[in-house]
PDB file of N, CA and C in Angstrom:
ATOM      1  N   MET A   1     142.037 116.173 170.991  1.00  0.00           N
ATOM      2  CA  MET A   1     141.914 117.604 170.845  1.00  0.00           C
ATOM      3  C   MET A   1     141.927 118.253 172.212  1.00  0.00           C
ATOM      4  N   LYS A   2     142.431 119.466 172.256  1.00  0.00           N
ATOM      5  CA  LYS A   2     142.522 120.214 173.495  1.00  0.00           C
ATOM      6  C   LYS A   2     141.294 121.109 173.644  1.00  0.00           C
ATOM      7  N   ASN A   3     141.113 121.615 174.846  1.00  0.00           N
ATOM      8  CA  ASN A   3     140.073 122.610 175.085  1.00  0.00           C
ATOM      9  C   ASN A   3     140.751 123.943 175.346  1.00  0.00           C
ATOM     10  N   TYR A   4     140.283 124.976 174.681  1.00  0.00           N
ATOM     11  CA  TYR A   4     140.829 126.319 174.830  1.00  0.00           C
ATOM     12  C   TYR A   4     139.721 127.254 175.292  1.00  0.00           C
ATOM     13  N   GLU A   5     140.086 128.218 176.120  1.00  0.00           N
ATOM     14  CA  GLU A   5     139.115 129.205 176.595  1.00  0.00           C
ATOM     15  C   GLU A   5     138.785 130.241 175.523  1.00  0.00           C
ATOM     16  N   THR A   6     139.800 130.629 174.734  1.00  0.00           N
ATOM     17  CA  THR A   6     139.587 131.682 173.743  1.00  0.00           C
ATOM     18  C   THR A   6     140.197 131.298 172.401  1.00  0.00           C
ATOM     19  N   LEU A   7     139.759 131.991 171.365  1.00  0.00           N
ATOM     20  CA  LEU A   7     140.295 131.811 170.039  1.00  0.00           C
ATOM     21  C   LEU A   7     141.786 132.146 170.021  1.00  0.00           C
ATOM     22  N   VAL A   8     142.190 133.179 170.737  1.00  0.00           N
ATOM     23  CA  VAL A   8     143.600 133.576 170.804  1.00  0.00           C
ATOM     24  C   VAL A   8     144.437 132.474 171.447  1.00  0.00           C
ATOM     25  N   ASP A   9     143.928 131.857 172.516  1.00  0.00           N
ATOM     26  CA  ASP A   9     144.648 130.744 173.155  1.00  0.00           C
ATOM     27  C   ASP A   9     144.874 129.606 172.157  1.00  0.00           C
ATOM     28  N   ALA A  10     143.851 129.286 171.383  1.00  0.00           N
ATOM     29  CA  ALA A  10     143.951 128.200 170.410  1.00  0.00           C
ATOM     30  C   ALA A  10     144.976 128.528 169.332  1.00  0.00           C
ATOM     31  N   THR A  11     144.881 129.710 168.747  1.00  0.00           N
ATOM     32  CA  THR A  11     145.801 130.058 167.665  1.00  0.00           C
ATOM     33  C   THR A  11     147.232 130.157 168.174  1.00  0.00           C
ATOM     34  N   ASN A  12     147.433 130.696 169.366  1.00  0.00           N
ATOM     35  CA  ASN A  12     148.791 130.782 169.931  1.00  0.00           C
ATOM     36  C   ASN A  12     149.381 129.396 170.166  1.00  0.00           C
ATOM     37  N   ASP A  13     148.588 128.468 170.690  1.00  0.00           N
ATOM     38  CA  ASP A  13     149.090 127.116 170.946  1.00  0.00           C
ATOM     39  C   ASP A  13     149.378 126.390 169.634  1.00  0.00           C
ATOM     40  N   LEU A  14     148.502 126.534 168.656  1.00  0.00           N
ATOM     41  CA  LEU A  14     148.740 125.895 167.363  1.00  0.00           C
ATOM     42  C   LEU A  14     150.020 126.444 166.723  1.00  0.00           C
ATOM     43  N   PHE A  15     150.252 127.731 166.836  1.00  0.00           N
ATOM     44  CA  PHE A  15     151.475 128.345 166.311  1.00  0.00           C
ATOM     45  C   PHE A  15     152.706 127.715 166.984  1.00  0.00           C
ATOM     46  N   LYS A  16     152.643 127.565 168.300  1.00  0.00           N
ATOM     47  CA  LYS A  16     153.755 126.945 169.036  1.00  0.00           C
ATOM     48  C   LYS A  16     153.988 125.505 168.596  1.00  0.00           C
ATOM     49  N   ARG A  17     152.921 124.839 168.129  1.00  0.00           N
ATOM     50  CA  ARG A  17     153.024 123.444 167.699  1.00  0.00           C
ATOM     51  C   ARG A  17     153.308 123.306 166.202  1.00  0.00           C
ATOM     52  N   GLY A  18     153.699 124.412 165.567  1.00  0.00           N
ATOM     53  CA  GLY A  18     154.154 124.347 164.182  1.00  0.00           C
ATOM     54  C   GLY A  18     153.158 124.763 163.124  1.00  0.00           C
ATOM     55  N   TYR A  19     151.959 125.155 163.508  1.00  0.00           N
ATOM     56  CA  TYR A  19     150.954 125.628 162.544  1.00  0.00           C
ATOM     57  C   TYR A  19     151.177 127.120 162.327  1.00  0.00           C
ATOM     58  N   THR A  20     152.183 127.446 161.522  1.00  0.00           N
ATOM     59  CA  THR A  20     152.661 128.825 161.425  1.00  0.00           C
ATOM     60  C   THR A  20     152.100 129.608 160.244  1.00  0.00           C
ATOM     61  N   ALA A  21     151.582 128.930 159.224  1.00  0.00           N
ATOM     62  CA  ALA A  21     151.039 129.642 158.071  1.00  0.00           C
ATOM     63  C   ALA A  21     149.700 130.285 158.437  1.00  0.00           C
ATOM     64  N   ASN A  22     149.518 131.514 158.007  1.00  0.00           N
ATOM     65  CA  ASN A  22     148.273 132.248 158.223  1.00  0.00           C
ATOM     66  C   ASN A  22     147.410 132.041 156.982  1.00  0.00           C
ATOM     67  N   LEU A  23     146.437 131.142 157.082  1.00  0.00           N
ATOM     68  CA  LEU A  23     145.639 130.745 155.928  1.00  0.00           C
ATOM     69  C   LEU A  23     144.346 131.543 155.826  1.00  0.00           C
ATOM     70  N   SER A  24     143.868 131.689 154.607  1.00  0.00           N
ATOM     71  CA  SER A  24     142.596 132.374 154.381  1.00  0.00           C
ATOM     72  C   SER A  24     141.766 131.580 153.381  1.00  0.00           C
ATOM     73  N   LEU A  25     140.462 131.698 153.527  1.00  0.00           N
ATOM     74  CA  LEU A  25     139.522 131.041 152.626  1.00  0.00           C
ATOM     75  C   LEU A  25     139.159 132.027 151.530  1.00  0.00           C
ATOM     76  N   ASP A  26     139.342 131.604 150.288  1.00  0.00           N
ATOM     77  CA  ASP A  26     139.051 132.489 149.157  1.00  0.00           C
ATOM     78  C   ASP A  26     138.308 131.697 148.094  1.00  0.00           C
ATOM     79  N   GLY A  27     136.998 131.650 148.211  1.00  0.00           N
ATOM     80  CA  GLY A  27     136.187 130.921 147.244  1.00  0.00           C
ATOM     81  C   GLY A  27     136.460 129.436 147.274  1.00  0.00           C
ATOM     82  N   ASP A  28     137.062 128.916 146.205  1.00  0.00           N
ATOM     83  CA  ASP A  28     137.303 127.485 146.087  1.00  0.00           C
ATOM     84  C   ASP A  28     138.695 127.054 146.532  1.00  0.00           C
ATOM     85  N   THR A  29     139.426 127.938 147.201  1.00  0.00           N
ATOM     86  CA  THR A  29     140.771 127.587 147.659  1.00  0.00           C
ATOM     87  C   THR A  29     141.020 128.094 149.077  1.00  0.00           C
ATOM     88  N   ILE A  30     141.962 127.427 149.739  1.00  0.00           N
ATOM     89  CA  ILE A  30     142.522 127.931 150.992  1.00  0.00           C
ATOM     90  C   ILE A  30     143.924 128.403 150.642  1.00  0.00           C
ATOM     91  N   ASN A  31     144.237 129.633 151.014  1.00  0.00           N
ATOM     92  CA  ASN A  31     145.461 130.259 150.548  1.00  0.00           C
ATOM     93  C   ASN A  31     146.431 130.593 151.669  1.00  0.00           C
ATOM     94  N   ASP A  32     147.712 130.438 151.346  1.00  0.00           N
ATOM     95  CA  ASP A  32     148.800 130.990 152.149  1.00  0.00           C
ATOM     96  C   ASP A  32     149.393 132.095 151.281  1.00  0.00           C
ATOM     97  N   LYS A  33     148.925 133.313 151.494  1.00  0.00           N
ATOM     98  CA  LYS A  33     149.318 134.427 150.624  1.00  0.00           C
ATOM     99  C   LYS A  33     150.806 134.733 150.736  1.00  0.00           C
ATOM    100  N   GLU A  34     151.388 134.498 151.897  1.00  0.00           N
ATOM    101  CA  GLU A  34     152.816 134.768 152.089  1.00  0.00           C
ATOM    102  C   GLU A  34     153.680 133.909 151.171  1.00  0.00           C
ATOM    103  N   GLN A  35     153.267 132.641 150.966  1.00  0.00           N
ATOM    104  CA  GLN A  35     154.026 131.733 150.115  1.00  0.00           C
ATOM    105  C   GLN A  35     153.408 131.585 148.726  1.00  0.00           C
ATOM    106  N   ASN A  36     152.355 132.351 148.452  1.00  0.00           N
ATOM    107  CA  ASN A  36     151.643 132.299 147.176  1.00  0.00           C
ATOM    108  C   ASN A  36     151.165 130.875 146.857  1.00  0.00           C
ATOM    109  N   ILE A  37     150.529 130.233 147.839  1.00  0.00           N
ATOM    110  CA  ILE A  37     150.014 128.873 147.688  1.00  0.00           C
ATOM    111  C   ILE A  37     148.494 128.915 147.713  1.00  0.00           C
ATOM    112  N   GLN A  38     147.881 128.218 146.773  1.00  0.00           N
ATOM    113  CA  GLN A  38     146.430 128.072 146.728  1.00  0.00           C
ATOM    114  C   GLN A  38     146.124 126.582 146.750  1.00  0.00           C
ATOM    115  N   MET A  39     145.414 126.143 147.778  1.00  0.00           N
ATOM    116  CA  MET A  39     145.134 124.721 147.945  1.00  0.00           C
ATOM    117  C   MET A  39     143.674 124.410 147.654  1.00  0.00           C
ATOM    118  N   GLY A  40     143.458 123.380 146.850  1.00  0.00           N
ATOM    119  CA  GLY A  40     142.131 122.849 146.620  1.00  0.00           C
ATOM    120  C   GLY A  40     141.796 121.848 147.716  1.00  0.00           C
ATOM    121  N   ALA A  41     140.599 121.311 147.683  1.00  0.00           N
ATOM    122  CA  ALA A  41     140.116 120.409 148.738  1.00  0.00           C
ATOM    123  C   ALA A  41     140.990 119.166 148.908  1.00  0.00           C
ATOM    124  N   ASP A  42     141.614 118.685 147.853  1.00  0.00           N
ATOM    125  CA  ASP A  42     142.442 117.484 147.936  1.00  0.00           C
ATOM    126  C   ASP A  42     143.871 117.775 148.394  1.00  0.00           C
ATOM    127  N   ASP A  43     144.209 119.038 148.572  1.00  0.00           N
ATOM    128  CA  ASP A  43     145.588 119.426 148.886  1.00  0.00           C
ATOM    129  C   ASP A  43     145.877 119.560 150.375  1.00  0.00           C
ATOM    130  N   PHE A  44     144.870 119.411 151.243  1.00  0.00           N
ATOM    131  CA  PHE A  44     145.085 119.632 152.676  1.00  0.00           C
ATOM    132  C   PHE A  44     144.228 118.698 153.505  1.00  0.00           C
ATOM    133  N   GLU A  45     144.591 118.606 154.778  1.00  0.00           N
ATOM    134  CA  GLU A  45     143.808 117.851 155.760  1.00  0.00           C
ATOM    135  C   GLU A  45     143.485 118.783 156.928  1.00  0.00           C
ATOM    136  N   ILE A  46     142.355 118.549 157.565  1.00  0.00           N
ATOM    137  CA  ILE A  46     141.998 119.264 158.789  1.00  0.00           C
ATOM    138  C   ILE A  46     142.432 118.376 159.947  1.00  0.00           C
ATOM    139  N   ASP A  47     143.448 118.822 160.679  1.00  0.00           N
ATOM    140  CA  ASP A  47     144.000 118.034 161.781  1.00  0.00           C
ATOM    141  C   ASP A  47     143.211 118.226 163.077  1.00  0.00           C
ATOM    142  N   GLU A  48     142.788 119.437 163.324  1.00  0.00           N
ATOM    143  CA  GLU A  48     142.035 119.779 164.536  1.00  0.00           C
ATOM    144  C   GLU A  48     141.110 120.940 164.206  1.00  0.00           C
ATOM    145  N   PHE A  49     140.095 121.150 165.045  1.00  0.00           N
ATOM    146  CA  PHE A  49     139.183 122.273 164.866  1.00  0.00           C
ATOM    147  C   PHE A  49     138.554 122.612 166.210  1.00  0.00           C
ATOM    148  N   TYR A  50     138.293 123.888 166.422  1.00  0.00           N
ATOM    149  CA  TYR A  50     137.731 124.366 167.690  1.00  0.00           C
ATOM    150  C   TYR A  50     136.727 125.473 167.389  1.00  0.00           C
ATOM    151  N   ARG A  51     135.572 125.416 168.036  1.00  0.00           N
ATOM    152  CA  ARG A  51     134.541 126.441 167.845  1.00  0.00           C
ATOM    153  C   ARG A  51     134.513 127.365 169.052  1.00  0.00           C
ATOM    154  N   PHE A  52     134.310 128.647 168.781  1.00  0.00           N
ATOM    155  CA  PHE A  52     134.226 129.652 169.840  1.00  0.00           C
ATOM    156  C   PHE A  52     133.037 130.556 169.577  1.00  0.00           C
ATOM    157  N   GLU A  53     132.321 130.893 170.661  1.00  0.00           N
ATOM    158  CA  GLU A  53     131.214 131.842 170.577  1.00  0.00           C
ATOM    159  C   GLU A  53     131.654 133.149 171.201  1.00  0.00           C
ATOM    160  N   GLY A  54     131.153 134.245 170.651  1.00  0.00           N
ATOM    161  CA  GLY A  54     131.439 135.553 171.220  1.00  0.00           C
ATOM    162  C   GLY A  54     130.851 135.657 172.610  1.00  0.00           C
ATOM    163  N   ALA A  55     131.548 136.339 173.507  1.00  0.00           N
ATOM    164  CA  ALA A  55     131.116 136.453 174.898  1.00  0.00           C
ATOM    165  C   ALA A  55     129.775 137.158 175.031  1.00  0.00           C
ATOM    166  N   SER A  56     129.512 138.152 174.177  1.00  0.00           N
ATOM    167  CA  SER A  56     128.274 138.914 174.320  1.00  0.00           C
ATOM    168  C   SER A  56     127.226 138.579 173.270  1.00  0.00           C
ATOM    169  N   ASN A  57     127.618 137.850 172.224  1.00  0.00           N
ATOM    170  CA  ASN A  57     126.683 137.585 171.146  1.00  0.00           C
ATOM    171  C   ASN A  57     126.905 136.173 170.598  1.00  0.00           C
ATOM    172  N   PRO A  58     125.979 135.255 170.856  1.00  0.00           N
ATOM    173  CA  PRO A  58     126.137 133.884 170.364  1.00  0.00           C
ATOM    174  C   PRO A  58     126.209 133.784 168.842  1.00  0.00           C
ATOM    175  N   ASP A  59     125.721 134.815 168.117  1.00  0.00           N
ATOM    176  CA  ASP A  59     125.816 134.815 166.659  1.00  0.00           C
ATOM    177  C   ASP A  59     127.235 135.097 166.182  1.00  0.00           C
ATOM    178  N   ASP A  60     128.099 135.589 167.077  1.00  0.00           N
ATOM    179  CA  ASP A  60     129.476 135.918 166.753  1.00  0.00           C
ATOM    180  C   ASP A  60     130.337 134.691 167.021  1.00  0.00           C
ATOM    181  N   MET A  61     130.282 133.716 166.091  1.00  0.00           N
ATOM    182  CA  MET A  61     130.980 132.454 166.307  1.00  0.00           C
ATOM    183  C   MET A  61     132.060 132.259 165.255  1.00  0.00           C
ATOM    184  N   SER A  62     133.138 131.581 165.666  1.00  0.00           N
ATOM    185  CA  SER A  62     134.230 131.273 164.755  1.00  0.00           C
ATOM    186  C   SER A  62     134.705 129.852 164.989  1.00  0.00           C
ATOM    187  N   ILE A  63     135.319 129.284 163.945  1.00  0.00           N
ATOM    188  CA  ILE A  63     135.984 128.000 164.068  1.00  0.00           C
ATOM    189  C   ILE A  63     137.438 128.206 163.686  1.00  0.00           C
ATOM    190  N   VAL A  64     138.328 127.642 164.500  1.00  0.00           N
ATOM    191  CA  VAL A  64     139.750 127.640 164.202  1.00  0.00           C
ATOM    192  C   VAL A  64     140.087 126.247 163.678  1.00  0.00           C
ATOM    193  N   TYR A  65     140.661 126.185 162.491  1.00  0.00           N
ATOM    194  CA  TYR A  65     141.079 124.926 161.888  1.00  0.00           C
ATOM    195  C   TYR A  65     142.597 124.842 161.896  1.00  0.00           C
ATOM    196  N   ALA A  66     143.143 123.714 162.337  1.00  0.00           N
ATOM    197  CA  ALA A  66     144.560 123.403 162.173  1.00  0.00           C
ATOM    198  C   ALA A  66     144.656 122.593 160.893  1.00  0.00           C
ATOM    199  N   VAL A  67     145.326 123.148 159.898  1.00  0.00           N
ATOM    200  CA  VAL A  67     145.359 122.578 158.556  1.00  0.00           C
ATOM    201  C   VAL A  67     146.789 122.175 158.213  1.00  0.00           C
ATOM    202  N   SER A  68     146.934 121.006 157.578  1.00  0.00           N
ATOM    203  CA  SER A  68     148.265 120.602 157.107  1.00  0.00           C
ATOM    204  C   SER A  68     148.176 120.149 155.658  1.00  0.00           C
ATOM    205  N   SER A  69     149.298 120.292 154.957  1.00  0.00           N
ATOM    206  CA  SER A  69     149.381 119.865 153.569  1.00  0.00           C
ATOM    207  C   SER A  69     150.743 119.223 153.333  1.00  0.00           C
ATOM    208  N   THR A  70     150.726 117.935 153.011  1.00  0.00           N
ATOM    209  CA  THR A  70     151.984 117.278 152.662  1.00  0.00           C
ATOM    210  C   THR A  70     152.428 117.727 151.268  1.00  0.00           C
ATOM    211  N   LYS A  71     151.491 118.016 150.394  1.00  0.00           N
ATOM    212  CA  LYS A  71     151.822 118.470 149.040  1.00  0.00           C
ATOM    213  C   LYS A  71     152.645 119.747 149.075  1.00  0.00           C
ATOM    214  N   TYR A  72     152.280 120.675 149.951  1.00  0.00           N
ATOM    215  CA  TYR A  72     152.966 121.961 150.030  1.00  0.00           C
ATOM    216  C   TYR A  72     153.884 122.075 151.247  1.00  0.00           C
ATOM    217  N   ASN A  73     153.992 120.986 152.010  1.00  0.00           N
ATOM    218  CA  ASN A  73     154.855 120.957 153.189  1.00  0.00           C
ATOM    219  C   ASN A  73     154.573 122.157 154.104  1.00  0.00           C
ATOM    220  N   LEU A  74     153.310 122.310 154.492  1.00  0.00           N
ATOM    221  CA  LEU A  74     152.964 123.414 155.378  1.00  0.00           C
ATOM    222  C   LEU A  74     151.935 122.991 156.405  1.00  0.00           C
ATOM    223  N   LYS A  75     151.946 123.729 157.485  1.00  0.00           N
ATOM    224  CA  LYS A  75     150.938 123.604 158.536  1.00  0.00           C
ATOM    225  C   LYS A  75     150.507 125.022 158.868  1.00  0.00           C
ATOM    226  N   GLY A  76     149.198 125.227 158.963  1.00  0.00           N
ATOM    227  CA  GLY A  76     148.728 126.574 159.213  1.00  0.00           C
ATOM    228  C   GLY A  76     147.396 126.609 159.922  1.00  0.00           C
ATOM    229  N   VAL A  77     146.958 127.820 160.188  1.00  0.00           N
ATOM    230  CA  VAL A  77     145.717 128.071 160.912  1.00  0.00           C
ATOM    231  C   VAL A  77     144.768 128.845 160.008  1.00  0.00           C
ATOM    232  N   LEU A  78     143.524 128.355 159.954  1.00  0.00           N
ATOM    233  CA  LEU A  78     142.455 129.031 159.233  1.00  0.00           C
ATOM    234  C   LEU A  78     141.371 129.359 160.239  1.00  0.00           C
ATOM    235  N   VAL A  79     140.980 130.625 160.310  1.00  0.00           N
ATOM    236  CA  VAL A  79     139.874 131.037 161.170  1.00  0.00           C
ATOM    237  C   VAL A  79     138.723 131.408 160.251  1.00  0.00           C
ATOM    238  N   ASN A  80     137.547 130.813 160.531  1.00  0.00           N
ATOM    239  CA  ASN A  80     136.386 131.040 159.675  1.00  0.00           C
ATOM    240  C   ASN A  80     135.161 131.277 160.542  1.00  0.00           C
ATOM    241  N   ALA A  81     134.251 132.072 160.025  1.00  0.00           N
ATOM    242  CA  ALA A  81     132.998 132.313 160.739  1.00  0.00           C
ATOM    243  C   ALA A  81     132.175 131.041 160.782  1.00  0.00           C
ATOM    244  N   TYR A  82     131.332 130.946 161.789  1.00  0.00           N
ATOM    245  CA  TYR A  82     130.423 129.806 161.942  1.00  0.00           C
ATOM    246  C   TYR A  82     129.075 130.352 162.346  1.00  0.00           C
ATOM    247  N   GLY A  83     128.016 129.740 161.902  1.00  0.00           N
ATOM    248  CA  GLY A  83     126.682 130.196 162.281  1.00  0.00           C
ATOM    249  C   GLY A  83     126.186 131.265 161.330  1.00  0.00           C
ATOM    250  N   THR A  84     125.683 132.370 161.871  1.00  0.00           N
ATOM    251  CA  THR A  84     125.057 133.423 161.089  1.00  0.00           C
ATOM    252  C   THR A  84     125.953 133.955 159.982  1.00  0.00           C
ATOM    253  N   TYR A  85     127.262 134.119 160.281  1.00  0.00           N
ATOM    254  CA  TYR A  85     128.166 134.732 159.320  1.00  0.00           C
ATOM    255  C   TYR A  85     129.019 133.710 158.575  1.00  0.00           C
ATOM    256  N   ALA A  86     128.638 132.470 158.594  1.00  0.00           N
ATOM    257  CA  ALA A  86     129.414 131.414 157.950  1.00  0.00           C
ATOM    258  C   ALA A  86     129.431 131.579 156.442  1.00  0.00           C
ATOM    259  N   ASP A  87     130.522 131.109 155.864  1.00  0.00           N
ATOM    260  CA  ASP A  87     130.629 131.060 154.410  1.00  0.00           C
ATOM    261  C   ASP A  87     129.709 129.954 153.927  1.00  0.00           C
ATOM    262  N   ASP A  88     128.762 130.283 153.090  1.00  0.00           N
ATOM    263  CA  ASP A  88     127.797 129.305 152.584  1.00  0.00           C
ATOM    264  C   ASP A  88     128.268 128.650 151.290  1.00  0.00           C
ATOM    265  N   SER A  89     129.572 128.581 151.108  1.00  0.00           N
ATOM    266  CA  SER A  89     130.138 128.031 149.889  1.00  0.00           C
ATOM    267  C   SER A  89     129.632 126.616 149.638  1.00  0.00           C
ATOM    268  N   SER A  90     129.289 126.339 148.391  1.00  0.00           N
ATOM    269  CA  SER A  90     128.887 124.986 148.020  1.00  0.00           C
ATOM    270  C   SER A  90     130.053 124.243 147.371  1.00  0.00           C
ATOM    271  N   SER A  91     131.240 124.840 147.394  1.00  0.00           N
ATOM    272  CA  SER A  91     132.415 124.243 146.772  1.00  0.00           C
ATOM    273  C   SER A  91     132.907 123.037 147.567  1.00  0.00           C
ATOM    274  N   ALA A  92     133.878 122.352 146.999  1.00  0.00           N
ATOM    275  CA  ALA A  92     134.495 121.208 147.678  1.00  0.00           C
ATOM    276  C   ALA A  92     135.179 121.665 148.958  1.00  0.00           C
ATOM    277  N   ILE A  93     135.742 122.870 148.958  1.00  0.00           N
ATOM    278  CA  ILE A  93     136.378 123.406 150.174  1.00  0.00           C
ATOM    279  C   ILE A  93     135.324 123.563 151.258  1.00  0.00           C
ATOM    280  N   GLY A  94     134.208 124.192 150.930  1.00  0.00           N
ATOM    281  CA  GLY A  94     133.135 124.364 151.903  1.00  0.00           C
ATOM    282  C   GLY A  94     132.635 123.035 152.428  1.00  0.00           C
ATOM    283  N   ALA A  95     132.504 122.065 151.546  1.00  0.00           N
ATOM    284  CA  ALA A  95     132.046 120.740 151.969  1.00  0.00           C
ATOM    285  C   ALA A  95     133.034 120.105 152.935  1.00  0.00           C
ATOM    286  N   LYS A  96     134.326 120.263 152.671  1.00  0.00           N
ATOM    287  CA  LYS A  96     135.335 119.673 153.548  1.00  0.00           C
ATOM    288  C   LYS A  96     135.331 120.377 154.907  1.00  0.00           C
ATOM    289  N   LEU A  97     135.235 121.692 154.909  1.00  0.00           N
ATOM    290  CA  LEU A  97     135.234 122.446 156.162  1.00  0.00           C
ATOM    291  C   LEU A  97     133.979 122.187 156.983  1.00  0.00           C
ATOM    292  N   HIS A  98     132.866 121.928 156.317  1.00  0.00           N
ATOM    293  CA  HIS A  98     131.599 121.753 157.030  1.00  0.00           C
ATOM    294  C   HIS A  98     131.130 120.305 157.026  1.00  0.00           C
ATOM    295  N   HIS A  99     132.060 119.399 156.841  1.00  0.00           N
ATOM    296  CA  HIS A  99     131.768 117.958 156.844  1.00  0.00           C
ATOM    297  C   HIS A  99     131.095 117.583 158.154  1.00  0.00           C
ATOM    298  N   GLY A 100     130.328 116.533 158.179  1.00  0.00           N
ATOM    299  CA  GLY A 100     129.615 116.092 159.375  1.00  0.00           C
ATOM    300  C   GLY A 100     130.496 115.950 160.595  1.00  0.00           C
ATOM    301  N   GLN A 101     131.730 115.466 160.434  1.00  0.00           N
ATOM    302  CA  GLN A 101     132.621 115.316 161.586  1.00  0.00           C
ATOM    303  C   GLN A 101     132.865 116.664 162.241  1.00  0.00           C
ATOM    304  N   VAL A 102     133.138 117.683 161.434  1.00  0.00           N
ATOM    305  CA  VAL A 102     133.393 119.012 161.981  1.00  0.00           C
ATOM    306  C   VAL A 102     132.112 119.606 162.542  1.00  0.00           C
ATOM    307  N   SER A 103     131.019 119.464 161.816  1.00  0.00           N
ATOM    308  CA  SER A 103     129.759 120.066 162.235  1.00  0.00           C
ATOM    309  C   SER A 103     129.219 119.470 163.530  1.00  0.00           C
ATOM    310  N   HIS A 104     129.429 118.168 163.756  1.00  0.00           N
ATOM    311  CA  HIS A 104     128.827 117.521 164.907  1.00  0.00           C
ATOM    312  C   HIS A 104     129.770 117.301 166.092  1.00  0.00           C
ATOM    313  N   ASN A 105     131.054 117.412 165.904  1.00  0.00           N
ATOM    314  CA  ASN A 105     132.007 117.170 166.988  1.00  0.00           C
ATOM    315  C   ASN A 105     132.791 118.434 167.290  1.00  0.00           C
ATOM    316  N   LEU A 106     132.092 119.512 167.518  1.00  0.00           N
ATOM    317  CA  LEU A 106     132.737 120.794 167.733  1.00  0.00           C
ATOM    318  C   LEU A 106     133.235 120.952 169.155  1.00  0.00           C
ATOM    319  N   HIS A 107     134.196 121.852 169.311  1.00  0.00           N
ATOM    320  CA  HIS A 107     134.782 122.175 170.609  1.00  0.00           C
ATOM    321  C   HIS A 107     133.687 122.409 171.651  1.00  0.00           C
ATOM    322  N   GLY A 108     133.818 121.723 172.762  1.00  0.00           N
ATOM    323  CA  GLY A 108     132.908 121.942 173.870  1.00  0.00           C
ATOM    324  C   GLY A 108     131.621 121.157 173.800  1.00  0.00           C
ATOM    325  N   GLU A 109     131.414 120.387 172.753  1.00  0.00           N
ATOM    326  CA  GLU A 109     130.186 119.608 172.654  1.00  0.00           C
ATOM    327  C   GLU A 109     130.498 118.137 172.851  1.00  0.00           C
ATOM    328  N   ASP A 110     129.557 117.414 173.432  1.00  0.00           N
ATOM    329  CA  ASP A 110     129.748 115.991 173.646  1.00  0.00           C
ATOM    330  C   ASP A 110     129.709 115.260 172.323  1.00  0.00           C
ATOM    331  N   ARG A 111     130.548 114.230 172.216  1.00  0.00           N
ATOM    332  CA  ARG A 111     130.526 113.384 171.031  1.00  0.00           C
ATOM    333  C   ARG A 111     129.519 112.277 171.228  1.00  0.00           C
ATOM    334  N   PRO A 112     128.846 111.887 170.182  1.00  0.00           N
ATOM    335  CA  PRO A 112     127.879 110.797 170.328  1.00  0.00           C
ATOM    336  C   PRO A 112     128.602 109.496 170.715  1.00  0.00           C
ATOM    337  N   SER A 113     127.942 108.721 171.552  1.00  0.00           N
ATOM    338  CA  SER A 113     128.548 107.463 171.956  1.00  0.00           C
ATOM    339  C   SER A 113     128.289 106.418 170.886  1.00  0.00           C
ATOM    340  N   ALA A 114     129.219 105.471 170.787  1.00  0.00           N
ATOM    341  CA  ALA A 114     129.114 104.447 169.745  1.00  0.00           C
ATOM    342  C   ALA A 114     128.257 103.297 170.209  1.00  0.00           C
TER     343      ALA A 114
END
């Protein structure tokens, strides 16, 4: 994974690397509204993820996910709140997005040694 200074840097680089779909989280699905695609938890993989904190407010945090789906032949970017404004979804999508790997190995944090 790369290190990015800003959320914009991350999304721009992911776009250049083929993550062109603009994805959104909508309850139990991740959607590509442009292509009218709704993906359940089994329909996609999280390839990369990066966390960013707001410069003036640590509660203003976001995670950028690089998402791919072989089922729908797409690669896209999902930006979601983290921390205070996080989606507290208990769905399978929420579980996948907030899995221990993502929660504990976030951008800028040290990974535990084996």
